[in-house]
């Protein structure tokens, strides 16, 4: 549940103050930071896959976890320059676009919280 709450909080910050998320993203544009981000993504994906069986939506959480693990494995291959180019493009789209994009982690975080908040019900 903590993962969902953290994702949602980060998304809310992005909606309210998109420049703060942009600054944070720019601070992660180093090789060491990209490896840390990759490790965090892999860890989050593993946690989602592990809690999926006792969640309300096990298949969805497994797929989401696997996608996050894949994103984590691919993160170091993007490199600093490509990551900077993506961040520059994202920021050049304007604050409204950045706010809409920040809504995605809010929705994803709320979904994760919903899926794990109470255990999966089995047929009696």
PDB file of N, CA and C in Angstrom:
ATOM      1  N   UNK A   1       0.828  -1.187   0.000  1.00  0.00           N
ATOM      2  CA  UNK A   1       0.000   0.000   0.000  1.00  0.00           C
ATOM      3  C   UNK A   1       0.876   1.256   0.000  1.00  0.00           C
ATOM      4  N   UNK A   2       2.021   1.174   0.668  1.00  0.00           N
ATOM      5  CA  UNK A   2       2.914   2.336   0.733  1.00  0.00           C
ATOM      6  C   UNK A   2       3.369   2.769  -0.653  1.00  0.00           C
ATOM      7  N   UNK A   3       3.616   1.801  -1.523  1.00  0.00           N
ATOM      8  CA  UNK A   3       4.046   2.131  -2.884  1.00  0.00           C
ATOM      9  C   UNK A   3       2.975   2.956  -3.585  1.00  0.00           C
ATOM     10  N   UNK A   4       1.728   2.545  -3.470  1.00  0.00           N
ATOM     11  CA  UNK A   4       0.633   3.276  -4.091  1.00  0.00           C
ATOM     12  C   UNK A   4       0.482   4.673  -3.520  1.00  0.00           C
ATOM     13  N   UNK A   5       0.608   4.789  -2.205  1.00  0.00           N
ATOM     14  CA  UNK A   5       0.486   6.100  -1.574  1.00  0.00           C
ATOM     15  C   UNK A   5       1.615   7.036  -1.998  1.00  0.00           C
ATOM     16  N   UNK A   6       2.817   6.507  -2.086  1.00  0.00           N
ATOM     17  CA  UNK A   6       3.964   7.326  -2.505  1.00  0.00           C
ATOM     18  C   UNK A   6       3.798   7.763  -3.959  1.00  0.00           C
ATOM     19  N   UNK A   7       3.376   6.829  -4.820  1.00  0.00           N
ATOM     20  CA  UNK A   7       3.156   7.193  -6.232  1.00  0.00           C
ATOM     21  C   UNK A   7       2.100   8.277  -6.346  1.00  0.00           C
ATOM     22  N   UNK A   8       1.014   8.103  -5.611  1.00  0.00           N
ATOM     23  CA  UNK A   8      -0.050   9.095  -5.648  1.00  0.00           C
ATOM     24  C   UNK A   8       0.412  10.447  -5.149  1.00  0.00           C
ATOM     25  N   UNK A   9       1.206  10.449  -4.074  1.00  0.00           N
ATOM     26  CA  UNK A   9       1.707  11.714  -3.520  1.00  0.00           C
ATOM     27  C   UNK A   9       2.634  12.417  -4.510  1.00  0.00           C
ATOM     28  N   UNK A  10       3.497  11.660  -5.154  1.00  0.00           N
ATOM     29  CA  UNK A  10       4.392  12.258  -6.148  1.00  0.00           C
ATOM     30  C   UNK A  10       3.582  12.843  -7.301  1.00  0.00           C
ATOM     31  N   UNK A  11       2.555  12.119  -7.733  1.00  0.00           N
ATOM     32  CA  UNK A  11       1.692  12.630  -8.788  1.00  0.00           C
ATOM     33  C   UNK A  11       0.971  13.903  -8.373  1.00  0.00           C
ATOM     34  N   UNK A  12       0.476  13.942  -7.138  1.00  0.00           N
ATOM     35  CA  UNK A  12      -0.196  15.153  -6.652  1.00  0.00           C
ATOM     36  C   UNK A  12       0.754  16.342  -6.619  1.00  0.00           C
ATOM     37  N   UNK A  13       1.989  16.099  -6.198  1.00  0.00           N
ATOM     38  CA  UNK A  13       2.985  17.174  -6.209  1.00  0.00           C
ATOM     39  C   UNK A  13       3.185  17.665  -7.641  1.00  0.00           C
ATOM     40  N   UNK A  14       3.230  16.728  -8.589  1.00  0.00           N
ATOM     41  CA  UNK A  14       3.395  17.096  -9.992  1.00  0.00           C
ATOM     42  C   UNK A  14       2.224  17.898 -10.538  1.00  0.00           C
ATOM     43  N   UNK A  15       1.026  17.627 -10.037  1.00  0.00           N
ATOM     44  CA  UNK A  15      -0.144  18.380 -10.479  1.00  0.00           C
ATOM     45  C   UNK A  15      -0.111  19.789  -9.906  1.00  0.00           C
ATOM     46  N   UNK A  16       0.236  19.885  -8.620  1.00  0.00           N
ATOM     47  CA  UNK A  16       0.219  21.187  -7.945  1.00  0.00           C
ATOM     48  C   UNK A  16       1.424  22.039  -8.335  1.00  0.00           C
ATOM     49  N   UNK A  17       2.622  21.434  -8.341  1.00  0.00           N
ATOM     50  CA  UNK A  17       3.861  22.176  -8.626  1.00  0.00           C
ATOM     51  C   UNK A  17       4.697  21.379  -9.640  1.00  0.00           C
ATOM     52  N   UNK A  18       4.325  21.421 -10.921  1.00  0.00           N
ATOM     53  CA  UNK A  18       5.067  20.625 -11.904  1.00  0.00           C
ATOM     54  C   UNK A  18       6.552  20.977 -11.985  1.00  0.00           C
ATOM     55  N   UNK A  19       6.905  22.202 -11.685  1.00  0.00           N
ATOM     56  CA  UNK A  19       8.316  22.592 -11.751  1.00  0.00           C
ATOM     57  C   UNK A  19       9.159  21.843 -10.716  1.00  0.00           C
ATOM     58  N   UNK A  20       8.561  21.475  -9.603  1.00  0.00           N
ATOM     59  CA  UNK A  20       9.284  20.728  -8.574  1.00  0.00           C
ATOM     60  C   UNK A  20       9.639  19.331  -9.074  1.00  0.00           C
ATOM     61  N   UNK A  21       8.717  18.702  -9.761  1.00  0.00           N
ATOM     62  CA  UNK A  21       8.990  17.379 -10.338  1.00  0.00           C
ATOM     63  C   UNK A  21      10.055  17.497 -11.422  1.00  0.00           C
ATOM     64  N   UNK A  22      10.001  18.564 -12.194  1.00  0.00           N
ATOM     65  CA  UNK A  22      11.000  18.797 -13.237  1.00  0.00           C
ATOM     66  C   UNK A  22      12.389  18.959 -12.627  1.00  0.00           C
ATOM     67  N   UNK A  23      12.491  19.748 -11.565  1.00  0.00           N
ATOM     68  CA  UNK A  23      13.779  19.930 -10.889  1.00  0.00           C
ATOM     69  C   UNK A  23      14.298  18.608 -10.326  1.00  0.00           C
ATOM     70  N   UNK A  24      13.390  17.828  -9.736  1.00  0.00           N
ATOM     71  CA  UNK A  24      13.795  16.535  -9.189  1.00  0.00           C
ATOM     72  C   UNK A  24      14.285  15.620 -10.309  1.00  0.00           C
ATOM     73  N   UNK A  25      13.569  15.609 -11.429  1.00  0.00           N
ATOM     74  CA  UNK A  25      13.987  14.795 -12.569  1.00  0.00           C
ATOM     75  C   UNK A  25      15.354  15.195 -13.084  1.00  0.00           C
ATOM     76  N   UNK A  26      15.612  16.506 -13.119  1.00  0.00           N
ATOM     77  CA  UNK A  26      16.918  16.975 -13.578  1.00  0.00           C
ATOM     78  C   UNK A  26      18.028  16.568 -12.610  1.00  0.00           C
ATOM     79  N   UNK A  27      17.707  16.470 -11.331  1.00  0.00           N
ATOM     80  CA  UNK A  27      18.720  16.060 -10.358  1.00  0.00           C
ATOM     81  C   UNK A  27      19.080  14.584 -10.503  1.00  0.00           C
ATOM     82  N   UNK A  28      18.240  13.835 -11.192  1.00  0.00           N
ATOM     83  CA  UNK A  28      18.497  12.404 -11.395  1.00  0.00           C
ATOM     84  C   UNK A  28      19.258  12.106 -12.675  1.00  0.00           C
ATOM     85  N   UNK A  29      19.709  13.138 -13.371  1.00  0.00           N
ATOM     86  CA  UNK A  29      20.388  12.946 -14.643  1.00  0.00           C
ATOM     87  C   UNK A  29      21.891  12.730 -14.480  1.00  0.00           C
ATOM     88  N   UNK A  30      22.224  11.734 -13.687  1.00  0.00           N
ATOM     89  CA  UNK A  30      23.613  11.290 -13.543  1.00  0.00           C
ATOM     90  C   UNK A  30      23.608   9.770 -13.684  1.00  0.00           C
ATOM     91  N   UNK A  31      24.722   9.188 -14.099  1.00  0.00           N
ATOM     92  CA  UNK A  31      24.743   7.724 -14.228  1.00  0.00           C
ATOM     93  C   UNK A  31      24.408   7.006 -12.915  1.00  0.00           C
ATOM     94  N   UNK A  32      24.950   7.479 -11.811  1.00  0.00           N
ATOM     95  CA  UNK A  32      24.682   6.826 -10.526  1.00  0.00           C
ATOM     96  C   UNK A  32      23.207   6.908 -10.161  1.00  0.00           C
ATOM     97  N   UNK A  33      22.599   8.062 -10.382  1.00  0.00           N
ATOM     98  CA  UNK A  33      21.179   8.235 -10.061  1.00  0.00           C
ATOM     99  C   UNK A  33      20.313   7.339 -10.937  1.00  0.00           C
ATOM    100  N   UNK A  34      20.692   7.168 -12.201  1.00  0.00           N
ATOM    101  CA  UNK A  34      19.920   6.292 -13.082  1.00  0.00           C
ATOM    102  C   UNK A  34      19.968   4.848 -12.604  1.00  0.00           C
ATOM    103  N   UNK A  35      21.113   4.423 -12.077  1.00  0.00           N
ATOM    104  CA  UNK A  35      21.209   3.068 -11.523  1.00  0.00           C
ATOM    105  C   UNK A  35      20.347   2.929 -10.269  1.00  0.00           C
ATOM    106  N   UNK A  36      20.291   3.970  -9.463  1.00  0.00           N
ATOM    107  CA  UNK A  36      19.444   3.943  -8.270  1.00  0.00           C
ATOM    108  C   UNK A  36      17.972   3.882  -8.670  1.00  0.00           C
ATOM    109  N   UNK A  37      17.594   4.688  -9.657  1.00  0.00           N
ATOM    110  CA  UNK A  37      16.212   4.673 -10.159  1.00  0.00           C
ATOM    111  C   UNK A  37      15.887   3.285 -10.715  1.00  0.00           C
ATOM    112  N   UNK A  38      16.816   2.700 -11.455  1.00  0.00           N
ATOM    113  CA  UNK A  38      16.596   1.361 -12.008  1.00  0.00           C
ATOM    114  C   UNK A  38      16.374   0.347 -10.886  1.00  0.00           C
ATOM    115  N   UNK A  39      17.200   0.408  -9.852  1.00  0.00           N
ATOM    116  CA  UNK A  39      17.057  -0.522  -8.721  1.00  0.00           C
ATOM    117  C   UNK A  39      15.723  -0.318  -8.010  1.00  0.00           C
ATOM    118  N   UNK A  40      15.309   0.935  -7.837  1.00  0.00           N
ATOM    119  CA  UNK A  40      14.020   1.213  -7.204  1.00  0.00           C
ATOM    120  C   UNK A  40      12.871   0.662  -8.040  1.00  0.00           C
ATOM    121  N   UNK A  41      12.936   0.859  -9.338  1.00  0.00           N
ATOM    122  CA  UNK A  41      11.879   0.339 -10.211  1.00  0.00           C
ATOM    123  C   UNK A  41      11.807  -1.183 -10.123  1.00  0.00           C
ATOM    124  N   UNK A  42      12.949  -1.832 -10.170  1.00  0.00           N
ATOM    125  CA  UNK A  42      12.961  -3.292 -10.087  1.00  0.00           C
ATOM    126  C   UNK A  42      12.394  -3.737  -8.738  1.00  0.00           C
ATOM    127  N   UNK A  43      12.801  -3.063  -7.666  1.00  0.00           N
ATOM    128  CA  UNK A  43      12.286  -3.402  -6.336  1.00  0.00           C
ATOM    129  C   UNK A  43      10.784  -3.222  -6.230  1.00  0.00           C
ATOM    130  N   UNK A  44      10.275  -2.126  -6.757  1.00  0.00           N
ATOM    131  CA  UNK A  44       8.834  -1.875  -6.728  1.00  0.00           C
ATOM    132  C   UNK A  44       8.102  -2.943  -7.541  1.00  0.00           C
ATOM    133  N   UNK A  45       8.625  -3.276  -8.698  1.00  0.00           N
ATOM    134  CA  UNK A  45       8.008  -4.314  -9.523  1.00  0.00           C
ATOM    135  C   UNK A  45       7.965  -5.656  -8.821  1.00  0.00           C
ATOM    136  N   UNK A  46       9.053  -6.011  -8.154  1.00  0.00           N
ATOM    137  CA  UNK A  46       9.106  -7.278  -7.424  1.00  0.00           C
ATOM    138  C   UNK A  46       8.076  -7.282  -6.292  1.00  0.00           C
ATOM    139  N   UNK A  47       7.967  -6.172  -5.569  1.00  0.00           N
ATOM    140  CA  UNK A  47       6.982  -6.085  -4.491  1.00  0.00           C
ATOM    141  C   UNK A  47       5.573  -6.268  -5.045  1.00  0.00           C
ATOM    142  N   UNK A  48       5.259  -5.616  -6.152  1.00  0.00           N
ATOM    143  CA  UNK A  48       3.924  -5.755  -6.738  1.00  0.00           C
ATOM    144  C   UNK A  48       3.643  -7.192  -7.165  1.00  0.00           C
ATOM    145  N   UNK A  49       4.626  -7.847  -7.761  1.00  0.00           N
ATOM    146  CA  UNK A  49       4.441  -9.243  -8.181  1.00  0.00           C
ATOM    147  C   UNK A  49       4.240 -10.137  -6.954  1.00  0.00           C
ATOM    148  N   UNK A  50       4.978  -9.867  -5.890  1.00  0.00           N
ATOM    149  CA  UNK A  50       4.881 -10.703  -4.680  1.00  0.00           C
ATOM    150  C   UNK A  50       3.564 -10.520  -3.932  1.00  0.00           C
ATOM    151  N   UNK A  51       3.001  -9.318  -3.919  1.00  0.00           N
ATOM    152  CA  UNK A  51       1.741  -9.106  -3.198  1.00  0.00           C
ATOM    153  C   UNK A  51       0.525  -9.400  -4.068  1.00  0.00           C
ATOM    154  N   UNK A  52       0.727  -9.568  -5.353  1.00  0.00           N
ATOM    155  CA  UNK A  52      -0.388  -9.778  -6.276  1.00  0.00           C
ATOM    156  C   UNK A  52      -1.309 -10.936  -5.874  1.00  0.00           C
ATOM    157  N   UNK A  53      -0.791 -12.092  -5.470  1.00  0.00           N
ATOM    158  CA  UNK A  53      -1.688 -13.212  -5.168  1.00  0.00           C
ATOM    159  C   UNK A  53      -2.721 -12.932  -4.066  1.00  0.00           C
ATOM    160  N   UNK A  54      -2.425 -12.042  -3.151  1.00  0.00           N
ATOM    161  CA  UNK A  54      -3.373 -11.754  -2.064  1.00  0.00           C
ATOM    162  C   UNK A  54      -4.143 -10.461  -2.307  1.00  0.00           C
ATOM    163  N   UNK A  55      -4.028  -9.905  -3.499  1.00  0.00           N
ATOM    164  CA  UNK A  55      -4.700  -8.640  -3.803  1.00  0.00           C
ATOM    165  C   UNK A  55      -6.064  -8.892  -4.438  1.00  0.00           C
ATOM    166  N   UNK A  56      -6.795  -7.820  -4.635  1.00  0.00           N
ATOM    167  CA  UNK A  56      -8.094  -7.905  -5.303  1.00  0.00           C
ATOM    168  C   UNK A  56      -7.951  -8.190  -6.793  1.00  0.00           C
ATOM    169  N   UNK A  57      -6.846  -7.759  -7.373  1.00  0.00           N
ATOM    170  CA  UNK A  57      -6.637  -7.899  -8.818  1.00  0.00           C
ATOM    171  C   UNK A  57      -5.251  -8.473  -9.087  1.00  0.00           C
ATOM    172  N   UNK A  58      -5.083  -9.763  -8.823  1.00  0.00           N
ATOM    173  CA  UNK A  58      -3.740 -10.350  -8.919  1.00  0.00           C
ATOM    174  C   UNK A  58      -3.131 -10.289 -10.323  1.00  0.00           C
ATOM    175  N   UNK A  59      -3.912 -10.573 -11.347  1.00  0.00           N
ATOM    176  CA  UNK A  59      -3.347 -10.588 -12.701  1.00  0.00           C
ATOM    177  C   UNK A  59      -2.877  -9.197 -13.117  1.00  0.00           C
ATOM    178  N   UNK A  60      -3.663  -8.194 -12.790  1.00  0.00           N
ATOM    179  CA  UNK A  60      -3.309  -6.823 -13.160  1.00  0.00           C
ATOM    180  C   UNK A  60      -2.039  -6.397 -12.433  1.00  0.00           C
ATOM    181  N   UNK A  61      -1.933  -6.729 -11.143  1.00  0.00           N
ATOM    182  CA  UNK A  61      -0.732  -6.339 -10.398  1.00  0.00           C
ATOM    183  C   UNK A  61       0.503  -7.082 -10.884  1.00  0.00           C
ATOM    184  N   UNK A  62       0.349  -8.337 -11.287  1.00  0.00           N
ATOM    185  CA  UNK A  62       1.498  -9.076 -11.834  1.00  0.00           C
ATOM    186  C   UNK A  62       1.965  -8.415 -13.126  1.00  0.00           C
ATOM    187  N   UNK A  63       1.034  -8.106 -14.012  1.00  0.00           N
ATOM    188  CA  UNK A  63       1.407  -7.459 -15.281  1.00  0.00           C
ATOM    189  C   UNK A  63       2.059  -6.106 -15.006  1.00  0.00           C
ATOM    190  N   UNK A  64       1.466  -5.316 -14.118  1.00  0.00           N
ATOM    191  CA  UNK A  64       2.030  -4.012 -13.772  1.00  0.00           C
ATOM    192  C   UNK A  64       3.432  -4.176 -13.174  1.00  0.00           C
ATOM    193  N   UNK A  65       3.580  -5.135 -12.273  1.00  0.00           N
ATOM    194  CA  UNK A  65       4.892  -5.385 -11.668  1.00  0.00           C
ATOM    195  C   UNK A  65       5.934  -5.777 -12.701  1.00  0.00           C
ATOM    196  N   UNK A  66       5.555  -6.647 -13.632  1.00  0.00           N
ATOM    197  CA  UNK A  66       6.494  -7.076 -14.674  1.00  0.00           C
ATOM    198  C   UNK A  66       6.876  -5.905 -15.573  1.00  0.00           C
ATOM    199  N   UNK A  67       5.900  -5.061 -15.920  1.00  0.00           N
ATOM    200  CA  UNK A  67       6.210  -3.881 -16.742  1.00  0.00           C
ATOM    201  C   UNK A  67       7.173  -2.938 -16.023  1.00  0.00           C
ATOM    202  N   UNK A  68       6.976  -2.774 -14.718  1.00  0.00           N
ATOM    203  CA  UNK A  68       7.869  -1.901 -13.944  1.00  0.00           C
ATOM    204  C   UNK A  68       9.264  -2.520 -13.847  1.00  0.00           C
ATOM    205  N   UNK A  69       9.335  -3.835 -13.683  1.00  0.00           N
ATOM    206  CA  UNK A  69      10.648  -4.511 -13.662  1.00  0.00           C
ATOM    207  C   UNK A  69      11.361  -4.310 -14.998  1.00  0.00           C
ATOM    208  N   UNK A  70      10.641  -4.477 -16.102  1.00  0.00           N
ATOM    209  CA  UNK A  70      11.235  -4.272 -17.431  1.00  0.00           C
ATOM    210  C   UNK A  70      11.726  -2.829 -17.575  1.00  0.00           C
ATOM    211  N   UNK A  71      10.914  -1.873 -17.111  1.00  0.00           N
ATOM    212  CA  UNK A  71      11.339  -0.464 -17.162  1.00  0.00           C
ATOM    213  C   UNK A  71      12.611  -0.264 -16.352  1.00  0.00           C
ATOM    214  N   UNK A  72      12.696  -0.922 -15.204  1.00  0.00           N
ATOM    215  CA  UNK A  72      13.899  -0.818 -14.387  1.00  0.00           C
ATOM    216  C   UNK A  72      15.118  -1.408 -15.076  1.00  0.00           C
ATOM    217  N   UNK A  73      14.922  -2.537 -15.730  1.00  0.00           N
ATOM    218  CA  UNK A  73      16.048  -3.164 -16.435  1.00  0.00           C
ATOM    219  C   UNK A  73      16.513  -2.328 -17.625  1.00  0.00           C
ATOM    220  N   UNK A  74      15.589  -1.609 -18.251  1.00  0.00           N
ATOM    221  CA  UNK A  74      15.941  -0.797 -19.423  1.00  0.00           C
ATOM    222  C   UNK A  74      16.480   0.584 -19.054  1.00  0.00           C
ATOM    223  N   UNK A  75      16.215   1.047 -17.845  1.00  0.00           N
ATOM    224  CA  UNK A  75      16.607   2.405 -17.436  1.00  0.00           C
ATOM    225  C   UNK A  75      18.085   2.707 -17.674  1.00  0.00           C
ATOM    226  N   UNK A  76      19.011   1.842 -17.257  1.00  0.00           N
ATOM    227  CA  UNK A  76      20.429   2.185 -17.477  1.00  0.00           C
ATOM    228  C   UNK A  76      20.811   2.295 -18.953  1.00  0.00           C
ATOM    229  N   UNK A  77      20.085   1.604 -19.822  1.00  0.00           N
ATOM    230  CA  UNK A  77      20.410   1.640 -21.243  1.00  0.00           C
ATOM    231  C   UNK A  77      19.982   2.943 -21.911  1.00  0.00           C
ATOM    232  N   UNK A  78      19.060   3.659 -21.281  1.00  0.00           N
ATOM    233  CA  UNK A  78      18.652   4.953 -21.831  1.00  0.00           C
ATOM    234  C   UNK A  78      19.791   5.951 -21.744  1.00  0.00           C
ATOM    235  N   UNK A  79      20.502   5.937 -20.645  1.00  0.00           N
ATOM    236  CA  UNK A  79      21.622   6.846 -20.474  1.00  0.00           C
ATOM    237  C   UNK A  79      21.189   8.257 -20.121  1.00  0.00           C
ATOM    238  N   UNK A  80      22.154   9.044 -19.705  1.00  0.00           N
ATOM    239  CA  UNK A  80      21.893  10.398 -19.229  1.00  0.00           C
ATOM    240  C   UNK A  80      21.417  11.303 -20.358  1.00  0.00           C
ATOM    241  N   UNK A  81      22.070  11.242 -21.511  1.00  0.00           N
ATOM    242  CA  UNK A  81      21.714  12.159 -22.599  1.00  0.00           C
ATOM    243  C   UNK A  81      20.302  11.905 -23.129  1.00  0.00           C
ATOM    244  N   UNK A  82      19.946  10.654 -23.335  1.00  0.00           N
ATOM    245  CA  UNK A  82      18.602  10.350 -23.822  1.00  0.00           C
ATOM    246  C   UNK A  82      17.562  10.713 -22.764  1.00  0.00           C
ATOM    247  N   UNK A  83      17.872  10.457 -21.501  1.00  0.00           N
ATOM    248  CA  UNK A  83      16.958  10.826 -20.415  1.00  0.00           C
ATOM    249  C   UNK A  83      16.779  12.341 -20.357  1.00  0.00           C
ATOM    250  N   UNK A  84      17.874  13.074 -20.542  1.00  0.00           N
ATOM    251  CA  UNK A  84      17.801  14.542 -20.562  1.00  0.00           C
ATOM    252  C   UNK A  84      16.936  15.024 -21.726  1.00  0.00           C
ATOM    253  N   UNK A  85      17.091  14.398 -22.891  1.00  0.00           N
ATOM    254  CA  UNK A  85      16.296  14.779 -24.054  1.00  0.00           C
ATOM    255  C   UNK A  85      14.807  14.537 -23.805  1.00  0.00           C
ATOM    256  N   UNK A  86      14.482  13.424 -23.183  1.00  0.00           N
ATOM    257  CA  UNK A  86      13.079  13.128 -22.871  1.00  0.00           C
ATOM    258  C   UNK A  86      12.538  14.138 -21.872  1.00  0.00           C
ATOM    259  N   UNK A  87      13.309  14.444 -20.842  1.00  0.00           N
ATOM    260  CA  UNK A  87      12.884  15.419 -19.830  1.00  0.00           C
ATOM    261  C   UNK A  87      12.731  16.813 -20.443  1.00  0.00           C
ATOM    262  N   UNK A  88      13.649  17.188 -21.331  1.00  0.00           N
ATOM    263  CA  UNK A  88      13.544  18.489 -22.008  1.00  0.00           C
ATOM    264  C   UNK A  88      12.292  18.556 -22.875  1.00  0.00           C
ATOM    265  N   UNK A  89      12.013  17.472 -23.615  1.00  0.00           N
ATOM    266  CA  UNK A  89      10.804  17.444 -24.444  1.00  0.00           C
ATOM    267  C   UNK A  89       9.562  17.564 -23.562  1.00  0.00           C
ATOM    268  N   UNK A  90       9.529  16.787 -22.481  1.00  0.00           N
ATOM    269  CA  UNK A  90       8.382  16.784 -21.575  1.00  0.00           C
ATOM    270  C   UNK A  90       8.137  18.173 -21.003  1.00  0.00           C
ATOM    271  N   UNK A  91       9.209  18.836 -20.578  1.00  0.00           N
ATOM    272  CA  UNK A  91       9.052  20.164 -19.982  1.00  0.00           C
ATOM    273  C   UNK A  91       8.674  21.219 -21.027  1.00  0.00           C
ATOM    274  N   UNK A  92       9.074  21.015 -22.279  1.00  0.00           N
ATOM    275  CA  UNK A  92       8.758  21.993 -23.321  1.00  0.00           C
ATOM    276  C   UNK A  92       7.285  21.944 -23.737  1.00  0.00           C
ATOM    277  N   UNK A  93       6.562  20.940 -23.291  1.00  0.00           N
ATOM    278  CA  UNK A  93       5.152  20.815 -23.650  1.00  0.00           C
ATOM    279  C   UNK A  93       4.251  21.734 -22.828  1.00  0.00           C
ATOM    280  N   UNK A  94       4.790  22.300 -21.769  1.00  0.00           N
ATOM    281  CA  UNK A  94       4.019  23.242 -20.960  1.00  0.00           C
ATOM    282  C   UNK A  94       3.505  22.634 -19.670  1.00  0.00           C
ATOM    283  N   UNK A  95       3.131  23.510 -18.753  1.00  0.00           N
ATOM    284  CA  UNK A  95       2.699  23.084 -17.420  1.00  0.00           C
ATOM    285  C   UNK A  95       1.413  22.263 -17.468  1.00  0.00           C
ATOM    286  N   UNK A  96       0.499  22.593 -18.360  1.00  0.00           N
ATOM    287  CA  UNK A  96      -0.759  21.839 -18.439  1.00  0.00           C
ATOM    288  C   UNK A  96      -0.499  20.392 -18.834  1.00  0.00           C
ATOM    289  N   UNK A  97       0.359  20.184 -19.810  1.00  0.00           N
ATOM    290  CA  UNK A  97       0.718  18.827 -20.233  1.00  0.00           C
ATOM    291  C   UNK A  97       1.389  18.081 -19.089  1.00  0.00           C
ATOM    292  N   UNK A  98       2.296  18.757 -18.386  1.00  0.00           N
ATOM    293  CA  UNK A  98       2.991  18.131 -17.268  1.00  0.00           C
ATOM    294  C   UNK A  98       2.003  17.736 -16.173  1.00  0.00           C
ATOM    295  N   UNK A  99       0.999  18.578 -15.940  1.00  0.00           N
ATOM    296  CA  UNK A  99      -0.018  18.267 -14.923  1.00  0.00           C
ATOM    297  C   UNK A  99      -0.858  17.054 -15.322  1.00  0.00           C
ATOM    298  N   UNK A 100      -1.224  16.991 -16.585  1.00  0.00           N
ATOM    299  CA  UNK A 100      -1.989  15.835 -17.061  1.00  0.00           C
ATOM    300  C   UNK A 100      -1.157  14.560 -16.906  1.00  0.00           C
ATOM    301  N   UNK A 101       0.108  14.634 -17.277  1.00  0.00           N
ATOM    302  CA  UNK A 101       1.002  13.478 -17.121  1.00  0.00           C
ATOM    303  C   UNK A 101       1.139  13.074 -15.657  1.00  0.00           C
ATOM    304  N   UNK A 102       1.153  14.043 -14.763  1.00  0.00           N
ATOM    305  CA  UNK A 102       1.268  13.760 -13.334  1.00  0.00           C
ATOM    306  C   UNK A 102       0.016  13.078 -12.801  1.00  0.00           C
ATOM    307  N   UNK A 103      -1.075  13.189 -13.523  1.00  0.00           N
ATOM    308  CA  UNK A 103      -2.291  12.494 -13.117  1.00  0.00           C
ATOM    309  C   UNK A 103      -2.173  10.978 -13.249  1.00  0.00           C
ATOM    310  N   UNK A 104      -1.293  10.510 -14.120  1.00  0.00           N
ATOM    311  CA  UNK A 104      -1.104   9.071 -14.320  1.00  0.00           C
ATOM    312  C   UNK A 104      -0.610   8.397 -13.039  1.00  0.00           C
ATOM    313  N   UNK A 105       0.458   8.891 -12.393  1.00  0.00           N
ATOM    314  CA  UNK A 105       0.862   8.236 -11.150  1.00  0.00           C
ATOM    315  C   UNK A 105      -0.171   8.364 -10.027  1.00  0.00           C
ATOM    316  N   UNK A 106      -0.960   9.429 -10.056  1.00  0.00           N
ATOM    317  CA  UNK A 106      -2.040   9.539  -9.058  1.00  0.00           C
ATOM    318  C   UNK A 106      -3.018   8.393  -9.262  1.00  0.00           C
ATOM    319  N   UNK A 107      -3.464   8.204 -10.494  1.00  0.00           N
ATOM    320  CA  UNK A 107      -4.422   7.133 -10.791  1.00  0.00           C
ATOM    321  C   UNK A 107      -3.817   5.760 -10.521  1.00  0.00           C
ATOM    322  N   UNK A 108      -2.569   5.567 -10.915  1.00  0.00           N
ATOM    323  CA  UNK A 108      -1.898   4.291 -10.700  1.00  0.00           C
ATOM    324  C   UNK A 108      -1.726   4.010  -9.208  1.00  0.00           C
ATOM    325  N   UNK A 109      -1.325   5.029  -8.473  1.00  0.00           N
ATOM    326  CA  UNK A 109      -1.163   4.876  -7.028  1.00  0.00           C
ATOM    327  C   UNK A 109      -2.473   4.538  -6.347  1.00  0.00           C
ATOM    328  N   UNK A 110      -3.545   5.225  -6.726  1.00  0.00           N
ATOM    329  CA  UNK A 110      -4.857   4.935  -6.142  1.00  0.00           C
ATOM    330  C   UNK A 110      -5.322   3.531  -6.508  1.00  0.00           C
ATOM    331  N   UNK A 111      -5.030   3.107  -7.727  1.00  0.00           N
ATOM    332  CA  UNK A 111      -5.378   1.747  -8.133  1.00  0.00           C
ATOM    333  C   UNK A 111      -4.641   0.720  -7.276  1.00  0.00           C
ATOM    334  N   UNK A 112      -3.348   0.930  -7.065  1.00  0.00           N
ATOM    335  CA  UNK A 112      -2.562  -0.007  -6.257  1.00  0.00           C
ATOM    336  C   UNK A 112      -3.108  -0.067  -4.838  1.00  0.00           C
ATOM    337  N   UNK A 113      -3.408   1.089  -4.263  1.00  0.00           N
ATOM    338  CA  UNK A 113      -3.983   1.114  -2.912  1.00  0.00           C
ATOM    339  C   UNK A 113      -5.295   0.336  -2.894  1.00  0.00           C
ATOM    340  N   UNK A 114      -6.157   0.579  -3.869  1.00  0.00           N
ATOM    341  CA  UNK A 114      -7.437  -0.133  -3.943  1.00  0.00           C
ATOM    342  C   UNK A 114      -7.215  -1.643  -4.045  1.00  0.00           C
ATOM    343  N   UNK A 115      -6.269  -2.048  -4.877  1.00  0.00           N
ATOM    344  CA  UNK A 115      -6.047  -3.472  -5.118  1.00  0.00           C
ATOM    345  C   UNK A 115      -5.508  -4.203  -3.897  1.00  0.00           C
ATOM    346  N   UNK A 116      -4.767  -3.517  -3.049  1.00  0.00           N
ATOM    347  CA  UNK A 116      -4.149  -4.213  -1.906  1.00  0.00           C
ATOM    348  C   UNK A 116      -4.775  -3.870  -0.557  1.00  0.00           C
ATOM    349  N   UNK A 117      -5.719  -2.931  -0.533  1.00  0.00           N
ATOM    350  CA  UNK A 117      -6.251  -2.461   0.742  1.00  0.00           C
ATOM    351  C   UNK A 117      -6.955  -3.566   1.528  1.00  0.00           C
ATOM    352  N   UNK A 118      -7.630  -4.447   0.852  1.00  0.00           N
ATOM    353  CA  UNK A 118      -8.243  -5.567   1.561  1.00  0.00           C
ATOM    354  C   UNK A 118      -7.917  -6.852   0.804  1.00  0.00           C
ATOM    355  N   UNK A 119      -7.828  -7.931   1.525  1.00  0.00           N
ATOM    356  CA  UNK A 119      -7.415  -9.180   0.881  1.00  0.00           C
ATOM    357  C   UNK A 119      -8.419  -9.659  -0.158  1.00  0.00           C
ATOM    358  N   UNK A 120      -7.908 -10.485  -1.020  1.00  0.00           N
ATOM    359  CA  UNK A 120      -8.717 -11.084  -2.076  1.00  0.00           C
ATOM    360  C   UNK A 120      -9.778 -11.976  -1.455  1.00  0.00           C
ATOM    361  N   UNK A 121     -10.978 -11.859  -1.968  1.00  0.00           N
ATOM    362  CA  UNK A 121     -12.079 -12.699  -1.481  1.00  0.00           C
ATOM    363  C   UNK A 121     -12.141 -13.964  -2.320  1.00  0.00           C
ATOM    364  N   UNK A 122     -12.284 -15.085  -1.650  1.00  0.00           N
ATOM    365  CA  UNK A 122     -12.405 -16.342  -2.375  1.00  0.00           C
ATOM    366  C   UNK A 122     -13.825 -16.861  -2.244  1.00  0.00           C
ATOM    367  N   UNK A 123     -14.200 -17.709  -3.165  1.00  0.00           N
ATOM    368  CA  UNK A 123     -15.552 -18.264  -3.129  1.00  0.00           C
ATOM    369  C   UNK A 123     -15.713 -19.155  -1.896  1.00  0.00           C
ATOM    370  N   UNK A 124     -16.847 -19.035  -1.239  1.00  0.00           N
ATOM    371  CA  UNK A 124     -17.077 -19.797  -0.002  1.00  0.00           C
ATOM    372  C   UNK A 124     -17.575 -21.170  -0.267  1.00  0.00           C
TER     373      UNK A 124
END
